[in-house]
Amino acid sequence: MLLAAASISSQVQAKEPVASPNPSLESVALTALPREAQTTHRLILAGGPFPYAKDGTVFGNRERILPRQARGYYHEYTVRTPGARNRGARRLVCGGLPPTRPDVCYYTDDHYSSFKRVQP
């Protein structure tokens, strides 16, 4: 009986999620980002106005690359790509409330496949 209970316990533990986001994402200085990213960052701190309707919307972190937070913590903003006819792949994703004083921002230039933590 004790052996069966131990087996059940290990089976239950094995079903719990074990994947966690990389807490040590590469960092990049804000001044090292493209000029357009720096402009977007200034707009975030000023509360806008933003050039795209989707700017400021909740980022769901479906990729689970960023540290887990409650839904609504992260917001995404478009970083203009010169010559692009659409929003392009570059974004700043910032977390914290109010959005004009983010706790942290992350930059992606490949539409959420990778992120770098922005150092002010």
Protein backbone atom coordinates (compact mmCIF):
# COMPACT_ATOMS: atom_id res chain seq x y z
CA MET A 1 0.00 0.00 0.00
CA LEU A 2 2.80 2.39 0.89
CA LEU A 3 4.55 1.58 -2.39
CA ALA A 4 1.35 2.33 -4.33
CA ALA A 5 0.94 5.70 -2.55
CA ALA A 6 4.54 6.64 -3.37
CA SER A 7 3.99 5.68 -7.01
CA ILE A 8 0.81 7.78 -7.23
CA SER A 9 2.57 10.71 -5.57
CA SER A 10 5.43 10.63 -8.10
CA GLN A 11 2.94 10.38 -10.98
CA VAL A 12 1.07 13.46 -9.73
CA GLN A 13 4.31 15.40 -9.32
CA ALA A 14 5.44 14.44 -12.81
CA LYS A 15 2.28 15.99 -14.30
CA GLU A 16 3.00 19.44 -12.85
CA PRO A 17 4.51 21.90 -15.33
CA VAL A 18 8.27 21.94 -15.16
CA ALA A 19 9.06 24.51 -17.86
CA SER A 20 9.93 27.95 -16.60
CA PRO A 21 10.99 31.05 -18.52
CA ASN A 22 14.65 31.92 -18.75
CA PRO A 23 15.21 34.33 -15.84
CA SER A 24 18.55 35.45 -17.24
CA LEU A 25 17.55 36.94 -20.57
CA GLU A 26 20.31 38.83 -22.34
CA SER A 27 20.33 42.55 -21.57
CA VAL A 28 20.73 45.49 -23.90
CA ALA A 29 21.19 49.17 -23.12
CA LEU A 30 18.36 51.40 -24.26
CA THR A 31 20.91 53.55 -26.05
CA ALA A 32 22.10 50.49 -28.02
CA LEU A 33 18.61 49.84 -29.43
CA PRO A 34 17.54 51.24 -32.80
CA ARG A 35 16.53 54.91 -32.72
CA GLU A 36 12.90 53.88 -33.36
CA ALA A 37 12.90 51.72 -30.20
CA GLN A 38 14.18 54.66 -28.17
CA THR A 39 11.38 56.81 -29.61
CA THR A 40 8.79 54.16 -28.72
CA HIS A 41 10.20 53.98 -25.18
CA ARG A 42 9.83 57.76 -24.78
CA LEU A 43 6.21 57.48 -26.00
CA ILE A 44 5.53 54.76 -23.40
CA LEU A 45 6.82 56.98 -20.60
CA ALA A 46 4.74 59.90 -21.91
CA GLY A 47 1.58 57.81 -22.27
CA GLY A 48 1.45 58.27 -26.05
CA PRO A 49 0.17 59.16 -28.50
CA PHE A 50 0.98 55.89 -30.23
CA PRO A 51 1.00 55.46 -34.00
CA TYR A 52 -0.70 52.04 -34.05
CA ALA A 53 -4.09 51.04 -32.62
CA LYS A 54 -2.61 47.87 -31.06
CA ASP A 55 0.03 49.79 -29.12
CA GLY A 56 -0.55 49.48 -25.39
CA THR A 57 -2.62 46.31 -25.64
CA VAL A 58 -2.08 43.44 -23.23
CA PHE A 59 0.71 41.07 -24.20
CA GLY A 60 -0.26 37.50 -23.33
CA ASN A 61 3.26 36.02 -23.06
CA ARG A 62 2.04 32.89 -24.86
CA GLU A 63 5.61 32.09 -25.85
CA ARG A 64 6.50 31.91 -22.14
CA ILE A 65 9.90 33.42 -22.75
CA LEU A 66 9.34 36.34 -20.38
CA PRO A 67 8.97 35.77 -16.63
CA ARG A 68 5.45 34.75 -15.71
CA GLN A 69 3.20 37.51 -14.45
CA ALA A 70 -0.54 37.96 -14.00
CA ARG A 71 -2.48 38.68 -17.18
CA GLY A 72 -2.48 42.40 -17.84
CA TYR A 73 1.02 42.98 -16.47
CA TYR A 74 2.72 43.13 -19.88
CA HIS A 75 1.77 45.55 -22.68
CA GLU A 76 3.19 45.61 -26.18
CA TYR A 77 4.21 48.53 -28.36
CA THR A 78 5.28 48.65 -32.00
CA VAL A 79 8.79 49.75 -32.85
CA ARG A 80 8.62 51.21 -36.35
CA THR A 81 10.62 49.47 -39.01
CA PRO A 82 11.79 51.87 -41.73
CA GLY A 83 10.42 50.81 -45.10
CA ALA A 84 7.92 48.29 -43.68
CA ARG A 85 4.37 48.53 -45.01
CA ASN A 86 2.92 47.00 -41.86
CA ARG A 87 3.84 46.99 -38.17
CA GLY A 88 6.90 44.86 -38.82
CA ALA A 89 8.43 42.44 -36.30
CA ARG A 90 9.96 44.83 -33.77
CA ARG A 91 8.26 45.43 -30.41
CA LEU A 92 8.85 46.69 -26.92
CA VAL A 93 7.00 44.70 -24.27
CA CYS A 94 6.84 46.46 -20.91
CA GLY A 95 5.49 45.28 -17.58
CA GLY A 96 4.14 47.11 -14.59
CA LEU A 97 1.47 49.55 -13.60
CA PRO A 98 0.96 52.26 -14.48
CA PRO A 99 2.25 51.60 -18.01
CA THR A 100 3.96 55.00 -18.02
CA ARG A 101 6.30 53.76 -15.26
CA PRO A 102 7.18 50.22 -16.30
CA ASP A 103 9.05 47.92 -13.96
CA VAL A 104 10.79 46.30 -16.91
CA CYS A 105 10.85 46.42 -20.71
CA TYR A 106 11.94 43.81 -23.22
CA TYR A 107 12.86 44.31 -26.87
CA THR A 108 12.23 41.84 -29.69
CA ASP A 109 13.17 42.29 -33.31
CA ASP A 110 11.85 38.89 -34.42
CA HIS A 111 8.16 39.07 -33.42
CA TYR A 112 8.43 37.44 -29.99
CA SER A 113 10.84 34.59 -30.86
CA SER A 114 13.49 36.13 -28.60
CA PHE A 115 13.73 39.02 -26.16
CA LYS A 116 16.39 41.17 -24.57
CA ARG A 117 15.84 42.94 -21.28
CA VAL A 118 16.22 46.70 -21.77
CA GLN A 119 18.53 48.47 -19.35
CA PRO A 120 17.70 52.19 -19.03
